[in-house]
């Protein structure tokens, strides 16, 4: 298998769950770039992503009389 990020070699690994349980989790890891894909990350990436114009923006209350910059100066 080839890595989707860099084209490197993908290996399958079984690791223990982070919470210290004895449950093994199957995952794949790229030997070249270190990209890890497990069932949780695959499921999260499959969800609808926000467009780049919406990422990282802070939402303001539209009814607030002052923008956040004016509030910080007071």
PDB file of N, CA and C in Angstrom:
ATOM      1  N   UNK A   1       0.833  -1.181   0.000  1.00  0.00           N
ATOM      2  CA  UNK A   1       0.000   0.000   0.000  1.00  0.00           C
ATOM      3  C   UNK A   1       0.877   1.243   0.000  1.00  0.00           C
ATOM      4  N   UNK A   2       0.348   2.322  -0.583  1.00  0.00           N
ATOM      5  CA  UNK A   2       1.078   3.579  -0.643  1.00  0.00           C
ATOM      6  C   UNK A   2       0.346   4.634   0.182  1.00  0.00           C
ATOM      7  N   UNK A   3       1.110   5.479   0.821  1.00  0.00           N
ATOM      8  CA  UNK A   3       0.570   6.556   1.651  1.00  0.00           C
ATOM      9  C   UNK A   3      -0.111   7.599   0.762  1.00  0.00           C
ATOM     10  N   UNK A   4      -1.286   8.078   1.213  1.00  0.00           N
ATOM     11  CA  UNK A   4      -2.016   9.103   0.459  1.00  0.00           C
ATOM     12  C   UNK A   4      -1.305  10.455   0.530  1.00  0.00           C
ATOM     13  N   UNK A   5      -0.505  10.686   1.563  1.00  0.00           N
ATOM     14  CA  UNK A   5       0.182  11.971   1.705  1.00  0.00           C
ATOM     15  C   UNK A   5       1.484  12.040   0.920  1.00  0.00           C
ATOM     16  N   UNK A   6       2.329  11.016   1.068  1.00  0.00           N
ATOM     17  CA  UNK A   6       3.668  11.107   0.481  1.00  0.00           C
ATOM     18  C   UNK A   6       4.009   9.981  -0.484  1.00  0.00           C
ATOM     19  N   UNK A   7       3.168   8.952  -0.565  1.00  0.00           N
ATOM     20  CA  UNK A   7       3.454   7.829  -1.451  1.00  0.00           C
ATOM     21  C   UNK A   7       4.372   6.792  -0.834  1.00  0.00           C
ATOM     22  N   UNK A   8       4.717   6.943   0.442  1.00  0.00           N
ATOM     23  CA  UNK A   8       5.610   6.012   1.124  1.00  0.00           C
ATOM     24  C   UNK A   8       4.932   4.689   1.462  1.00  0.00           C
ATOM     25  N   UNK A   9       5.696   3.801   2.053  1.00  0.00           N
ATOM     26  CA  UNK A   9       5.220   2.464   2.401  1.00  0.00           C
ATOM     27  C   UNK A   9       4.341   2.497   3.643  1.00  0.00           C
ATOM     28  N   UNK A  10       3.168   1.867   3.559  1.00  0.00           N
ATOM     29  CA  UNK A  10       2.221   1.778   4.672  1.00  0.00           C
ATOM     30  C   UNK A  10       2.351   0.391   5.306  1.00  0.00           C
ATOM     31  N   UNK A  11       2.425   0.374   6.641  1.00  0.00           N
ATOM     32  CA  UNK A  11       2.445  -0.894   7.374  1.00  0.00           C
ATOM     33  C   UNK A  11       1.253  -0.937   8.318  1.00  0.00           C
ATOM     34  N   UNK A  12       0.726  -2.135   8.547  1.00  0.00           N
ATOM     35  CA  UNK A  12      -0.376  -2.311   9.492  1.00  0.00           C
ATOM     36  C   UNK A  12       0.204  -2.631  10.854  1.00  0.00           C
ATOM     37  N   UNK A  13      -0.393  -2.029  11.883  1.00  0.00           N
ATOM     38  CA  UNK A  13       0.053  -2.265  13.251  1.00  0.00           C
ATOM     39  C   UNK A  13      -1.155  -2.462  14.148  1.00  0.00           C
ATOM     40  N   UNK A  14      -0.964  -3.153  15.233  1.00  0.00           N
ATOM     41  CA  UNK A  14      -1.981  -3.294  16.267  1.00  0.00           C
ATOM     42  C   UNK A  14      -1.389  -2.707  17.538  1.00  0.00           C
ATOM     43  N   UNK A  15      -2.051  -1.698  18.082  1.00  0.00           N
ATOM     44  CA  UNK A  15      -1.562  -1.034  19.295  1.00  0.00           C
ATOM     45  C   UNK A  15      -2.649  -1.077  20.356  1.00  0.00           C
ATOM     46  N   UNK A  16      -2.251  -0.926  21.602  1.00  0.00           N
ATOM     47  CA  UNK A  16      -3.214  -0.897  22.693  1.00  0.00           C
ATOM     48  C   UNK A  16      -3.913   0.454  22.739  1.00  0.00           C
ATOM     49  N   UNK A  17      -5.154   0.445  23.187  1.00  0.00           N
ATOM     50  CA  UNK A  17      -5.949   1.659  23.324  1.00  0.00           C
ATOM     51  C   UNK A  17      -5.272   2.609  24.302  1.00  0.00           C
ATOM     52  N   UNK A  18      -5.438   3.914  24.088  1.00  0.00           N
ATOM     53  CA  UNK A  18      -4.766   4.916  24.912  1.00  0.00           C
ATOM     54  C   UNK A  18      -5.198   4.912  26.374  1.00  0.00           C
ATOM     55  N   UNK A  19      -6.412   4.537  26.654  1.00  0.00           N
ATOM     56  CA  UNK A  19      -6.914   4.613  28.025  1.00  0.00           C
ATOM     57  C   UNK A  19      -6.331   3.533  28.931  1.00  0.00           C
ATOM     58  N   UNK A  20      -5.417   2.766  28.458  1.00  0.00           N
ATOM     59  CA  UNK A  20      -4.789   1.761  29.287  1.00  0.00           C
ATOM     60  C   UNK A  20      -5.530   0.439  29.316  1.00  0.00           C
ATOM     61  N   UNK A  21      -6.550   0.295  28.477  1.00  0.00           N
ATOM     62  CA  UNK A  21      -7.272  -0.970  28.452  1.00  0.00           C
ATOM     63  C   UNK A  21      -6.463  -1.993  27.667  1.00  0.00           C
ATOM     64  N   UNK A  22      -6.910  -3.209  27.694  1.00  0.00           N
ATOM     65  CA  UNK A  22      -6.191  -4.268  26.986  1.00  0.00           C
ATOM     66  C   UNK A  22      -6.740  -4.469  25.572  1.00  0.00           C
ATOM     67  N   UNK A  23      -7.503  -3.502  25.071  1.00  0.00           N
ATOM     68  CA  UNK A  23      -8.093  -3.605  23.740  1.00  0.00           C
ATOM     69  C   UNK A  23      -7.074  -3.188  22.681  1.00  0.00           C
ATOM     70  N   UNK A  24      -6.907  -4.024  21.676  1.00  0.00           N
ATOM     71  CA  UNK A  24      -6.013  -3.703  20.568  1.00  0.00           C
ATOM     72  C   UNK A  24      -6.775  -2.946  19.487  1.00  0.00           C
ATOM     73  N   UNK A  25      -6.122  -1.930  18.925  1.00  0.00           N
ATOM     74  CA  UNK A  25      -6.702  -1.135  17.853  1.00  0.00           C
ATOM     75  C   UNK A  25      -5.855  -1.328  16.606  1.00  0.00           C
ATOM     76  N   UNK A  26      -6.502  -1.680  15.503  1.00  0.00           N
ATOM     77  CA  UNK A  26      -5.791  -1.839  14.235  1.00  0.00           C
ATOM     78  C   UNK A  26      -5.603  -0.476  13.595  1.00  0.00           C
ATOM     79  N   UNK A  27      -4.400  -0.188  13.103  1.00  0.00           N
ATOM     80  CA  UNK A  27      -4.122   1.074  12.445  1.00  0.00           C
ATOM     81  C   UNK A  27      -3.077   0.876  11.366  1.00  0.00           C
ATOM     82  N   UNK A  28      -2.941   1.867  10.510  1.00  0.00           N
ATOM     83  CA  UNK A  28      -1.881   1.848   9.500  1.00  0.00           C
ATOM     84  C   UNK A  28      -0.986   3.052   9.743  1.00  0.00           C
ATOM     85  N   UNK A  29       0.304   2.879   9.434  1.00  0.00           N
ATOM     86  CA  UNK A  29       1.283   3.949   9.632  1.00  0.00           C
ATOM     87  C   UNK A  29       2.235   3.986   8.460  1.00  0.00           C
ATOM     88  N   UNK A  30       2.541   5.199   8.002  1.00  0.00           N
ATOM     89  CA  UNK A  30       3.488   5.368   6.906  1.00  0.00           C
ATOM     90  C   UNK A  30       4.900   5.386   7.483  1.00  0.00           C
ATOM     91  N   UNK A  31       5.782   4.587   6.911  1.00  0.00           N
ATOM     92  CA  UNK A  31       7.159   4.542   7.405  1.00  0.00           C
ATOM     93  C   UNK A  31       7.949   5.783   7.012  1.00  0.00           C
ATOM     94  N   UNK A  32       7.525   6.485   5.983  1.00  0.00           N
ATOM     95  CA  UNK A  32       8.275   7.645   5.511  1.00  0.00           C
ATOM     96  C   UNK A  32       7.868   8.933   6.230  1.00  0.00           C
ATOM     97  N   UNK A  33       6.568   9.245   6.254  1.00  0.00           N
ATOM     98  CA  UNK A  33       6.135  10.522   6.839  1.00  0.00           C
ATOM     99  C   UNK A  33       5.496  10.373   8.221  1.00  0.00           C
ATOM    100  N   UNK A  34       5.164   9.146   8.632  1.00  0.00           N
ATOM    101  CA  UNK A  34       4.598   8.920   9.950  1.00  0.00           C
ATOM    102  C   UNK A  34       3.097   9.105  10.039  1.00  0.00           C
ATOM    103  N   UNK A  35       2.420   9.304   8.912  1.00  0.00           N
ATOM    104  CA  UNK A  35       0.967   9.482   8.915  1.00  0.00           C
ATOM    105  C   UNK A  35       0.305   8.234   9.493  1.00  0.00           C
ATOM    106  N   UNK A  36      -0.568   8.436  10.486  1.00  0.00           N
ATOM    107  CA  UNK A  36      -1.263   7.335  11.139  1.00  0.00           C
ATOM    108  C   UNK A  36      -2.738   7.419  10.805  1.00  0.00           C
ATOM    109  N   UNK A  37      -3.313   6.289  10.435  1.00  0.00           N
ATOM    110  CA  UNK A  37      -4.749   6.224  10.191  1.00  0.00           C
ATOM    111  C   UNK A  37      -5.316   5.076  11.008  1.00  0.00           C
ATOM    112  N   UNK A  38      -6.248   5.430  11.884  1.00  0.00           N
ATOM    113  CA  UNK A  38      -6.969   4.443  12.674  1.00  0.00           C
ATOM    114  C   UNK A  38      -8.451   4.646  12.411  1.00  0.00           C
ATOM    115  N   UNK A  39      -9.308   3.763  12.913  1.00  0.00           N
ATOM    116  CA  UNK A  39     -10.747   3.899  12.623  1.00  0.00           C
ATOM    117  C   UNK A  39     -11.332   5.252  13.036  1.00  0.00           C
ATOM    118  N   UNK A  40     -10.861   5.837  14.129  1.00  0.00           N
ATOM    119  CA  UNK A  40     -11.391   7.123  14.579  1.00  0.00           C
ATOM    120  C   UNK A  40     -10.983   8.239  13.622  1.00  0.00           C
ATOM    121  N   UNK A  41      -9.720   8.287  13.223  1.00  0.00           N
ATOM    122  CA  UNK A  41      -9.286   9.354  12.325  1.00  0.00           C
ATOM    123  C   UNK A  41      -9.939   9.232  10.957  1.00  0.00           C
ATOM    124  N   UNK A  42     -10.140   8.003  10.479  1.00  0.00           N
ATOM    125  CA  UNK A  42     -10.818   7.814   9.187  1.00  0.00           C
ATOM    126  C   UNK A  42     -12.256   8.300   9.275  1.00  0.00           C
ATOM    127  N   UNK A  43     -12.941   7.986  10.367  1.00  0.00           N
ATOM    128  CA  UNK A  43     -14.325   8.424  10.544  1.00  0.00           C
ATOM    129  C   UNK A  43     -14.410   9.949  10.653  1.00  0.00           C
ATOM    130  N   UNK A  44     -13.483  10.566  11.385  1.00  0.00           N
ATOM    131  CA  UNK A  44     -13.490  12.021  11.527  1.00  0.00           C
ATOM    132  C   UNK A  44     -13.213  12.725  10.201  1.00  0.00           C
ATOM    133  N   UNK A  45     -12.315  12.202   9.409  1.00  0.00           N
ATOM    134  CA  UNK A  45     -12.014  12.819   8.115  1.00  0.00           C
ATOM    135  C   UNK A  45     -13.147  12.638   7.123  1.00  0.00           C
ATOM    136  N   UNK A  46     -13.965  11.615   7.310  1.00  0.00           N
ATOM    137  CA  UNK A  46     -15.077  11.371   6.397  1.00  0.00           C
ATOM    138  C   UNK A  46     -16.243  12.318   6.650  1.00  0.00           C
ATOM    139  N   UNK A  47     -16.275  12.945   7.822  1.00  0.00           N
ATOM    140  CA  UNK A  47     -17.352  13.883   8.121  1.00  0.00           C
ATOM    141  C   UNK A  47     -17.204  15.120   7.245  1.00  0.00           C
ATOM    142  N   UNK A  48     -18.292  15.818   7.091  1.00  0.00           N
ATOM    143  CA  UNK A  48     -18.280  17.012   6.255  1.00  0.00           C
ATOM    144  C   UNK A  48     -17.349  18.045   6.869  1.00  0.00           C
ATOM    145  N   UNK A  49     -16.400  18.492   6.070  1.00  0.00           N
ATOM    146  CA  UNK A  49     -15.435  19.476   6.545  1.00  0.00           C
ATOM    147  C   UNK A  49     -15.930  20.884   6.238  1.00  0.00           C
ATOM    148  N   UNK A  50     -15.532  21.833   7.069  1.00  0.00           N
ATOM    149  CA  UNK A  50     -15.871  23.226   6.820  1.00  0.00           C
ATOM    150  C   UNK A  50     -15.035  23.741   5.658  1.00  0.00           C
ATOM    151  N   UNK A  51     -15.577  24.627   4.856  1.00  0.00           N
ATOM    152  CA  UNK A  51     -14.770  25.229   3.796  1.00  0.00           C
ATOM    153  C   UNK A  51     -13.660  26.076   4.410  1.00  0.00           C
ATOM    154  N   UNK A  52     -12.555  26.270   3.693  1.00  0.00           N
ATOM    155  CA  UNK A  52     -11.433  27.038   4.252  1.00  0.00           C
ATOM    156  C   UNK A  52     -11.822  28.436   4.719  1.00  0.00           C
ATOM    157  N   UNK A  53     -12.817  29.025   4.095  1.00  0.00           N
ATOM    158  CA  UNK A  53     -13.217  30.372   4.500  1.00  0.00           C
ATOM    159  C   UNK A  53     -13.899  30.373   5.866  1.00  0.00           C
ATOM    160  N   UNK A  54     -14.377  29.232   6.352  1.00  0.00           N
ATOM    161  CA  UNK A  54     -15.074  29.146   7.631  1.00  0.00           C
ATOM    162  C   UNK A  54     -14.183  28.666   8.773  1.00  0.00           C
ATOM    163  N   UNK A  55     -13.021  28.111   8.465  1.00  0.00           N
ATOM    164  CA  UNK A  55     -12.155  27.561   9.508  1.00  0.00           C
ATOM    165  C   UNK A  55     -11.463  28.659  10.301  1.00  0.00           C
ATOM    166  N   UNK A  56     -11.411  28.503  11.594  1.00  0.00           N
ATOM    167  CA  UNK A  56     -10.651  29.377  12.458  1.00  0.00           C
ATOM    168  C   UNK A  56     -11.291  30.726  12.746  1.00  0.00           C
ATOM    169  N   UNK A  57     -12.487  30.951  12.303  1.00  0.00           N
ATOM    170  CA  UNK A  57     -13.125  32.234  12.562  1.00  0.00           C
ATOM    171  C   UNK A  57     -13.822  32.190  13.918  1.00  0.00           C
ATOM    172  N   UNK A  58     -13.809  33.320  14.593  1.00  0.00           N
ATOM    173  CA  UNK A  58     -14.489  33.451  15.870  1.00  0.00           C
ATOM    174  C   UNK A  58     -15.870  34.019  15.601  1.00  0.00           C
ATOM    175  N   UNK A  59     -16.866  33.374  16.130  1.00  0.00           N
ATOM    176  CA  UNK A  59     -18.226  33.874  15.951  1.00  0.00           C
ATOM    177  C   UNK A  59     -18.522  34.922  17.010  1.00  0.00           C
ATOM    178  N   UNK A  60     -19.129  36.020  16.570  1.00  0.00           N
ATOM    179  CA  UNK A  60     -19.529  37.072  17.496  1.00  0.00           C
ATOM    180  C   UNK A  60     -21.034  37.036  17.649  1.00  0.00           C
ATOM    181  N   UNK A  61     -21.494  37.505  18.780  1.00  0.00           N
ATOM    182  CA  UNK A  61     -22.920  37.650  19.004  1.00  0.00           C
ATOM    183  C   UNK A  61     -23.403  38.822  18.153  1.00  0.00           C
ATOM    184  N   UNK A  62     -24.306  38.601  17.193  1.00  0.00           N
ATOM    185  CA  UNK A  62     -24.703  39.692  16.303  1.00  0.00           C
ATOM    186  C   UNK A  62     -25.422  40.828  17.013  1.00  0.00           C
ATOM    187  N   UNK A  63     -25.947  40.593  18.194  1.00  0.00           N
ATOM    188  CA  UNK A  63     -26.667  41.635  18.907  1.00  0.00           C
ATOM    189  C   UNK A  63     -25.758  42.460  19.814  1.00  0.00           C
ATOM    190  N   UNK A  64     -24.487  42.093  19.904  1.00  0.00           N
ATOM    191  CA  UNK A  64     -23.571  42.815  20.781  1.00  0.00           C
ATOM    192  C   UNK A  64     -23.234  44.157  20.134  1.00  0.00           C
ATOM    193  N   UNK A  65     -23.260  45.279  20.895  1.00  0.00           N
ATOM    194  CA  UNK A  65     -23.073  46.601  20.297  1.00  0.00           C
ATOM    195  C   UNK A  65     -21.644  46.913  19.860  1.00  0.00           C
ATOM    196  N   UNK A  66     -20.636  46.232  20.421  1.00  0.00           N
ATOM    197  CA  UNK A  66     -19.253  46.550  20.085  1.00  0.00           C
ATOM    198  C   UNK A  66     -18.563  45.315  19.513  1.00  0.00           C
ATOM    199  N   UNK A  67     -17.699  45.480  18.506  1.00  0.00           N
ATOM    200  CA  UNK A  67     -16.892  44.349  18.048  1.00  0.00           C
ATOM    201  C   UNK A  67     -15.865  43.980  19.120  1.00  0.00           C
ATOM    202  N   UNK A  68     -15.291  42.778  19.084  1.00  0.00           N
ATOM    203  CA  UNK A  68     -14.370  42.331  20.125  1.00  0.00           C
ATOM    204  C   UNK A  68     -13.163  43.240  20.315  1.00  0.00           C
ATOM    205  N   UNK A  69     -12.661  43.894  19.272  1.00  0.00           N
ATOM    206  CA  UNK A  69     -11.470  44.754  19.409  1.00  0.00           C
ATOM    207  C   UNK A  69     -11.794  45.952  20.303  1.00  0.00           C
ATOM    208  N   UNK A  70     -12.962  46.546  20.145  1.00  0.00           N
ATOM    209  CA  UNK A  70     -13.321  47.684  20.971  1.00  0.00           C
ATOM    210  C   UNK A  70     -13.508  47.271  22.433  1.00  0.00           C
ATOM    211  N   UNK A  71     -13.987  46.069  22.666  1.00  0.00           N
ATOM    212  CA  UNK A  71     -14.161  45.597  24.036  1.00  0.00           C
ATOM    213  C   UNK A  71     -12.814  45.409  24.721  1.00  0.00           C
ATOM    214  N   UNK A  72     -11.814  44.976  23.970  1.00  0.00           N
ATOM    215  CA  UNK A  72     -10.500  44.723  24.558  1.00  0.00           C
ATOM    216  C   UNK A  72      -9.821  46.021  24.960  1.00  0.00           C
ATOM    217  N   UNK A  73     -10.095  47.135  24.313  1.00  0.00           N
ATOM    218  CA  UNK A  73      -9.431  48.403  24.619  1.00  0.00           C
ATOM    219  C   UNK A  73      -9.973  49.052  25.875  1.00  0.00           C
ATOM    220  N   UNK A  74     -11.194  48.747  26.249  1.00  0.00           N
ATOM    221  CA  UNK A  74     -11.805  49.396  27.401  1.00  0.00           C
ATOM    222  C   UNK A  74     -11.258  48.908  28.711  1.00  0.00           C
TER     223      UNK A  74
END
